[in-house]
Amino acid sequence: MFKKGTKLYSIFTGTCPKCHEESMYKNKNPYIISEVLDMHETCSNCGTKYKIEPSFFYGAMYVSYAVGIAFAVAAFVISFYFFNANINIVFISIVATLMAFLPVIIRVSRNIWINIFMHYDKSLDKK
């Protein structure tokens, strides 16, 4: 399911959507906040340009809303149903989860957005 050549592989690893060889980000660690959005201009392996057009990644904001809701729902389910927390603790757990995972949500949203428009190319596989 997460094998090279699938969109999920590119989304969860942050690799080039065309060749799945190079990380799109200059620093793989999303928790270095000053570098969370720093991306390479092109893939050094296949030459794919990551910014298809100016302001291309503004569309990732819409995706980040959905990804953030998924994280919030997961925090709600875990805190309310598994830990039987009261509503105040549930609210705090949702806010804490969203704050803790914000860099991951940003990166995953960008990865999903670019993978909507670009597809894996088997001919670029390293032999």
N, C-alpha and C. Protein backbone atom coordinates (compact mmCIF):
# COMPACT_ATOMS: atom_id res chain seq x y z
N MET A 1 0.82 -1.18 0.00
CA MET A 1 0.00 0.00 0.00
C MET A 1 0.87 1.26 0.00
N PHE A 2 1.98 1.25 0.72
CA PHE A 2 2.88 2.40 0.76
C PHE A 2 4.13 2.15 -0.06
N LYS A 3 3.99 1.32 -1.08
CA LYS A 3 5.15 1.01 -1.91
C LYS A 3 5.48 2.16 -2.85
N LYS A 4 6.74 2.22 -3.23
CA LYS A 4 7.17 3.21 -4.20
C LYS A 4 6.33 3.06 -5.46
N GLY A 5 5.90 4.17 -5.99
CA GLY A 5 5.06 4.15 -7.18
C GLY A 5 3.60 4.48 -6.85
N THR A 6 3.28 4.54 -5.57
CA THR A 6 1.90 4.90 -5.18
C THR A 6 1.88 6.34 -4.69
N LYS A 7 0.73 6.96 -4.80
CA LYS A 7 0.58 8.34 -4.33
C LYS A 7 0.78 8.41 -2.82
N LEU A 8 0.32 7.40 -2.10
CA LEU A 8 0.48 7.41 -0.64
C LEU A 8 1.95 7.43 -0.25
N TYR A 9 2.80 6.73 -1.02
CA TYR A 9 4.23 6.74 -0.74
C TYR A 9 4.78 8.17 -0.85
N SER A 10 4.43 8.86 -1.92
CA SER A 10 4.91 10.22 -2.12
C SER A 10 4.34 11.17 -1.07
N ILE A 11 3.06 10.99 -0.72
CA ILE A 11 2.42 11.87 0.26
C ILE A 11 3.06 11.72 1.64
N PHE A 12 3.26 10.49 2.08
CA PHE A 12 3.77 10.29 3.45
C PHE A 12 5.28 10.42 3.57
N THR A 13 6.01 10.29 2.47
CA THR A 13 7.47 10.46 2.54
C THR A 13 7.92 11.84 2.09
N GLY A 14 7.06 12.58 1.39
CA GLY A 14 7.42 13.91 0.91
C GLY A 14 8.40 13.87 -0.25
N THR A 15 8.38 12.79 -1.02
CA THR A 15 9.29 12.66 -2.14
C THR A 15 8.68 13.20 -3.41
N CYS A 16 9.51 13.38 -4.41
CA CYS A 16 9.08 13.88 -5.72
C CYS A 16 7.92 13.04 -6.24
N PRO A 17 6.83 13.67 -6.67
CA PRO A 17 5.67 12.91 -7.14
C PRO A 17 5.91 12.19 -8.47
N LYS A 18 6.93 12.60 -9.21
CA LYS A 18 7.21 11.96 -10.51
C LYS A 18 8.11 10.74 -10.39
N CYS A 19 9.21 10.85 -9.61
CA CYS A 19 10.19 9.75 -9.56
C CYS A 19 10.27 9.07 -8.19
N HIS A 20 9.76 9.70 -7.16
CA HIS A 20 9.79 9.17 -5.79
C HIS A 20 11.21 8.91 -5.29
N GLU A 21 12.17 9.67 -5.75
CA GLU A 21 13.57 9.47 -5.35
C GLU A 21 14.08 10.52 -4.38
N GLU A 22 13.74 11.79 -4.58
CA GLU A 22 14.31 12.87 -3.77
C GLU A 22 13.23 13.53 -2.92
N SER A 23 13.59 13.96 -1.73
CA SER A 23 12.68 14.71 -0.89
C SER A 23 12.43 16.08 -1.53
N MET A 24 11.19 16.52 -1.50
CA MET A 24 10.86 17.84 -2.05
C MET A 24 11.34 18.95 -1.14
N TYR A 25 11.59 18.64 0.12
CA TYR A 25 11.92 19.65 1.11
C TYR A 25 13.42 19.70 1.38
N LYS A 26 13.92 20.90 1.61
CA LYS A 26 15.34 21.07 1.88
C LYS A 26 15.72 20.42 3.21
N ASN A 27 14.82 20.44 4.17
CA ASN A 27 15.05 19.79 5.46
C ASN A 27 13.88 18.84 5.70
N LYS A 28 14.16 17.57 5.88
CA LYS A 28 13.10 16.57 6.03
C LYS A 28 12.33 16.72 7.34
N ASN A 29 12.92 17.37 8.34
CA ASN A 29 12.28 17.52 9.64
C ASN A 29 11.30 18.70 9.60
N PRO A 30 9.99 18.43 9.68
CA PRO A 30 9.02 19.54 9.63
C PRO A 30 9.00 20.39 10.89
N TYR A 31 9.61 19.93 11.97
CA TYR A 31 9.58 20.66 13.23
C TYR A 31 10.66 21.74 13.34
N ILE A 32 11.43 21.93 12.30
CA ILE A 32 12.30 23.10 12.24
C ILE A 32 11.46 24.18 11.57
N ILE A 33 10.76 24.93 12.38
CA ILE A 33 9.69 25.82 11.93
C ILE A 33 10.14 26.83 10.88
N SER A 34 11.34 27.34 11.00
CA SER A 34 11.80 28.34 10.03
C SER A 34 12.01 27.74 8.64
N GLU A 35 12.08 26.41 8.54
CA GLU A 35 12.31 25.76 7.26
C GLU A 35 11.16 24.85 6.82
N VAL A 36 10.01 24.95 7.49
CA VAL A 36 8.91 24.03 7.21
C VAL A 36 8.41 24.16 5.77
N LEU A 37 8.48 25.34 5.18
CA LEU A 37 7.99 25.55 3.81
C LEU A 37 9.10 25.58 2.76
N ASP A 38 10.36 25.45 3.18
CA ASP A 38 11.47 25.52 2.23
C ASP A 38 11.54 24.27 1.36
N MET A 39 11.30 24.47 0.07
CA MET A 39 11.32 23.36 -0.87
C MET A 39 12.40 23.58 -1.92
N HIS A 40 12.87 22.48 -2.49
CA HIS A 40 13.76 22.59 -3.64
C HIS A 40 12.93 23.14 -4.80
N GLU A 41 13.57 23.83 -5.72
CA GLU A 41 12.87 24.33 -6.91
C GLU A 41 12.50 23.18 -7.84
N THR A 42 13.47 22.27 -8.04
CA THR A 42 13.25 21.13 -8.93
C THR A 42 13.83 19.87 -8.30
N CYS A 43 13.43 18.74 -8.81
CA CYS A 43 13.97 17.45 -8.37
C CYS A 43 15.34 17.26 -9.02
N SER A 44 16.35 16.94 -8.24
CA SER A 44 17.69 16.75 -8.79
C SER A 44 17.78 15.44 -9.57
N ASN A 45 16.83 14.53 -9.36
CA ASN A 45 16.85 13.25 -10.06
C ASN A 45 16.19 13.33 -11.44
N CYS A 46 14.97 13.89 -11.50
CA CYS A 46 14.23 13.88 -12.76
C CYS A 46 13.98 15.27 -13.33
N GLY A 47 14.29 16.32 -12.58
CA GLY A 47 14.13 17.69 -13.07
C GLY A 47 12.72 18.25 -12.97
N THR A 48 11.84 17.56 -12.29
CA THR A 48 10.47 18.04 -12.14
C THR A 48 10.44 19.35 -11.36
N LYS A 49 9.74 20.33 -11.90
CA LYS A 49 9.59 21.62 -11.23
C LYS A 49 8.41 21.49 -10.27
N TYR A 50 8.63 21.78 -8.98
CA TYR A 50 7.60 21.59 -7.97
C TYR A 50 6.53 22.68 -7.99
N LYS A 51 6.92 23.92 -8.22
CA LYS A 51 5.93 25.00 -8.32
C LYS A 51 5.49 25.09 -9.77
N ILE A 52 4.35 24.53 -10.05
CA ILE A 52 3.84 24.49 -11.42
C ILE A 52 3.57 25.90 -11.93
N GLU A 53 3.08 26.75 -11.06
CA GLU A 53 2.80 28.14 -11.40
C GLU A 53 2.98 28.98 -10.14
N PRO A 54 3.04 30.31 -10.30
CA PRO A 54 3.16 31.14 -9.10
C PRO A 54 1.97 30.91 -8.16
N SER A 55 2.24 30.90 -6.89
CA SER A 55 1.22 30.70 -5.86
C SER A 55 0.54 29.33 -5.96
N PHE A 56 1.22 28.36 -6.53
CA PHE A 56 0.63 27.03 -6.72
C PHE A 56 0.15 26.41 -5.41
N PHE A 57 0.93 26.56 -4.35
CA PHE A 57 0.62 25.87 -3.11
C PHE A 57 -0.45 26.57 -2.26
N TYR A 58 -1.03 27.67 -2.74
CA TYR A 58 -2.16 28.27 -2.02
C TYR A 58 -3.33 27.30 -1.96
N GLY A 59 -3.46 26.45 -2.94
CA GLY A 59 -4.52 25.46 -2.94
C GLY A 59 -4.38 24.45 -1.82
N ALA A 60 -3.16 24.29 -1.32
CA ALA A 60 -2.93 23.35 -0.21
C ALA A 60 -3.61 23.82 1.07
N MET A 61 -3.98 25.10 1.13
CA MET A 61 -4.69 25.59 2.31
C MET A 61 -6.04 24.89 2.46
N TYR A 62 -6.70 24.63 1.33
CA TYR A 62 -7.98 23.94 1.38
C TYR A 62 -7.80 22.50 1.85
N VAL A 63 -6.73 21.88 1.40
CA VAL A 63 -6.43 20.52 1.82
C VAL A 63 -6.07 20.50 3.30
N SER A 64 -5.35 21.51 3.77
CA SER A 64 -4.94 21.54 5.18
C SER A 64 -6.15 21.65 6.11
N TYR A 65 -7.21 22.27 5.63
CA TYR A 65 -8.42 22.34 6.44
C TYR A 65 -8.95 20.92 6.68
N ALA A 66 -9.04 20.13 5.63
CA ALA A 66 -9.54 18.75 5.74
C ALA A 66 -8.60 17.89 6.59
N VAL A 67 -7.30 18.04 6.38
CA VAL A 67 -6.33 17.26 7.16
C VAL A 67 -6.41 17.66 8.64
N GLY A 68 -6.55 18.95 8.91
CA GLY A 68 -6.69 19.42 10.29
C GLY A 68 -7.94 18.88 10.95
N ILE A 69 -9.03 18.82 10.20
CA ILE A 69 -10.28 18.25 10.73
C ILE A 69 -10.07 16.78 11.07
N ALA A 70 -9.35 16.06 10.22
CA ALA A 70 -9.07 14.64 10.49
C ALA A 70 -8.28 14.47 11.80
N PHE A 71 -7.28 15.31 12.01
CA PHE A 71 -6.50 15.26 13.24
C PHE A 71 -7.37 15.62 14.44
N ALA A 72 -8.23 16.63 14.28
CA ALA A 72 -9.11 17.06 15.38
C ALA A 72 -10.10 15.96 15.74
N VAL A 73 -10.67 15.31 14.74
CA VAL A 73 -11.61 14.22 15.00
C VAL A 73 -10.91 13.06 15.70
N ALA A 74 -9.69 12.76 15.27
CA ALA A 74 -8.92 11.69 15.93
C ALA A 74 -8.66 12.05 17.39
N ALA A 75 -8.29 13.30 17.66
CA ALA A 75 -8.05 13.73 19.04
C ALA A 75 -9.34 13.65 19.86
N PHE A 76 -10.45 14.02 19.25
CA PHE A 76 -11.74 13.94 19.95
C PHE A 76 -12.08 12.50 20.30
N VAL A 77 -11.99 11.63 19.33
CA VAL A 77 -12.35 10.22 19.55
C VAL A 77 -11.48 9.59 20.63
N ILE A 78 -10.18 9.84 20.54
CA ILE A 78 -9.26 9.25 21.52
C ILE A 78 -9.53 9.78 22.91
N SER A 79 -9.65 11.10 23.05
CA SER A 79 -9.83 11.67 24.39
C SER A 79 -11.22 11.41 24.96
N PHE A 80 -12.25 11.50 24.13
CA PHE A 80 -13.62 11.36 24.65
C PHE A 80 -14.02 9.91 24.85
N TYR A 81 -13.75 9.07 23.85
CA TYR A 81 -14.22 7.69 23.93
C TYR A 81 -13.25 6.74 24.63
N PHE A 82 -11.94 6.94 24.44
CA PHE A 82 -10.99 6.03 25.06
C PHE A 82 -10.61 6.44 26.48
N PHE A 83 -10.52 7.75 26.73
CA PHE A 83 -10.12 8.22 28.06
C PHE A 83 -11.29 8.78 28.86
N ASN A 84 -12.48 8.80 28.29
CA ASN A 84 -13.68 9.32 28.96
C ASN A 84 -13.46 10.70 29.58
N ALA A 85 -12.77 11.56 28.86
CA ALA A 85 -12.47 12.91 29.36
C ALA A 85 -13.71 13.79 29.27
N ASN A 86 -13.75 14.80 30.15
CA ASN A 86 -14.87 15.74 30.07
C ASN A 86 -14.65 16.70 28.90
N ILE A 87 -15.66 17.50 28.59
CA ILE A 87 -15.64 18.32 27.38
C ILE A 87 -14.51 19.35 27.40
N ASN A 88 -14.15 19.87 28.57
CA ASN A 88 -13.04 20.83 28.65
C ASN A 88 -11.71 20.18 28.29
N ILE A 89 -11.49 19.00 28.80
CA ILE A 89 -10.25 18.27 28.49
C ILE A 89 -10.23 17.87 27.01
N VAL A 90 -11.38 17.50 26.48
CA VAL A 90 -11.46 17.15 25.06
C VAL A 90 -11.08 18.36 24.20
N PHE A 91 -11.61 19.52 24.54
CA PHE A 91 -11.27 20.74 23.81
C PHE A 91 -9.78 21.04 23.87
N ILE A 92 -9.21 20.93 25.05
CA ILE A 92 -7.77 21.17 25.23
C ILE A 92 -6.96 20.16 24.43
N SER A 93 -7.39 18.91 24.41
CA SER A 93 -6.65 17.89 23.65
C SER A 93 -6.71 18.15 22.15
N ILE A 94 -7.84 18.64 21.66
CA ILE A 94 -7.96 18.97 20.24
C ILE A 94 -7.03 20.13 19.88
N VAL A 95 -7.05 21.18 20.68
CA VAL A 95 -6.19 22.34 20.43
C VAL A 95 -4.72 21.95 20.52
N ALA A 96 -4.36 21.17 21.53
CA ALA A 96 -2.97 20.73 21.69
C ALA A 96 -2.53 19.85 20.51
N THR A 97 -3.40 18.98 20.06
CA THR A 97 -3.07 18.12 18.92
C THR A 97 -2.83 18.96 17.67
N LEU A 98 -3.71 19.90 17.41
CA LEU A 98 -3.55 20.74 16.21
C LEU A 98 -2.29 21.59 16.29
N MET A 99 -1.96 22.10 17.48
CA MET A 99 -0.74 22.88 17.62
C MET A 99 0.50 22.01 17.46
N ALA A 100 0.47 20.82 18.04
CA ALA A 100 1.63 19.93 17.99
C ALA A 100 1.88 19.41 16.58
N PHE A 101 0.82 19.16 15.84
CA PHE A 101 0.97 18.57 14.51
C PHE A 101 0.87 19.58 13.37
N LEU A 102 0.83 20.87 13.66
CA LEU A 102 0.72 21.88 12.60
C LEU A 102 1.79 21.74 11.51
N PRO A 103 3.07 21.59 11.85
CA PRO A 103 4.07 21.43 10.78
C PRO A 103 3.82 20.19 9.91
N VAL A 104 3.38 19.11 10.53
CA VAL A 104 3.08 17.88 9.79
C VAL A 104 1.87 18.10 8.89
N ILE A 105 0.85 18.78 9.40
CA ILE A 105 -0.36 19.07 8.61
C ILE A 105 -0.01 19.92 7.40
N ILE A 106 0.85 20.91 7.59
CA ILE A 106 1.27 21.77 6.47
C ILE A 106 1.96 20.94 5.40
N ARG A 107 2.91 20.12 5.81
CA ARG A 107 3.66 19.32 4.83
C ARG A 107 2.78 18.29 4.13
N VAL A 108 1.98 17.58 4.89
CA VAL A 108 1.10 16.56 4.28
C VAL A 108 0.13 17.21 3.30
N SER A 109 -0.37 18.39 3.65
CA SER A 109 -1.30 19.10 2.76
C SER A 109 -0.62 19.48 1.45
N ARG A 110 0.61 19.97 1.53
CA ARG A 110 1.36 20.29 0.30
C ARG A 110 1.61 19.03 -0.52
N ASN A 111 1.94 17.94 0.16
CA ASN A 111 2.20 16.69 -0.55
C ASN A 111 0.95 16.19 -1.25
N ILE A 112 -0.19 16.26 -0.58
CA ILE A 112 -1.45 15.84 -1.21
C ILE A 112 -1.76 16.73 -2.40
N TRP A 113 -1.60 18.04 -2.23
CA TRP A 113 -1.93 18.99 -3.30
C TRP A 113 -1.09 18.74 -4.55
N ILE A 114 0.21 18.57 -4.40
CA ILE A 114 1.04 18.37 -5.58
C ILE A 114 0.78 17.00 -6.22
N ASN A 115 0.40 16.01 -5.40
CA ASN A 115 0.12 14.68 -5.94
C ASN A 115 -1.22 14.62 -6.67
N ILE A 116 -2.07 15.61 -6.48
CA ILE A 116 -3.31 15.70 -7.26
C ILE A 116 -2.97 16.02 -8.72
N PHE A 117 -1.95 16.82 -8.93
CA PHE A 117 -1.63 17.32 -10.27
C PHE A 117 -0.48 16.58 -10.96
N MET A 118 0.32 15.84 -10.22
CA MET A 118 1.45 15.12 -10.80
C MET A 118 1.31 13.64 -10.50
N HIS A 119 1.80 12.82 -11.42
CA HIS A 119 1.67 11.37 -11.28
C HIS A 119 3.03 10.71 -11.44
N TYR A 120 3.16 9.55 -10.81
CA TYR A 120 4.39 8.77 -10.86
C TYR A 120 4.69 8.34 -12.30
N ASP A 121 5.96 8.43 -12.70
CA ASP A 121 6.38 8.04 -14.03
C ASP A 121 7.35 6.88 -13.92
N LYS A 122 6.89 5.67 -14.30
CA LYS A 122 7.73 4.46 -14.17
C LYS A 122 9.01 4.55 -15.00
N SER A 123 8.97 5.30 -16.08
CA SER A 123 10.16 5.38 -16.95
C SER A 123 11.32 6.09 -16.25
N LEU A 124 11.06 6.76 -15.13
CA LEU A 124 12.13 7.46 -14.40
C LEU A 124 12.77 6.57 -13.34
N ASP A 125 12.31 5.32 -13.20
CA ASP A 125 12.88 4.41 -12.21
C ASP A 125 14.36 4.22 -12.44
N LYS A 126 15.11 4.20 -11.32
CA LYS A 126 16.55 3.90 -11.42
C LYS A 126 16.70 2.42 -11.67
N LYS A 127 17.49 2.10 -12.63
CA LYS A 127 17.71 0.68 -12.97
C LYS A 127 18.88 0.13 -12.19
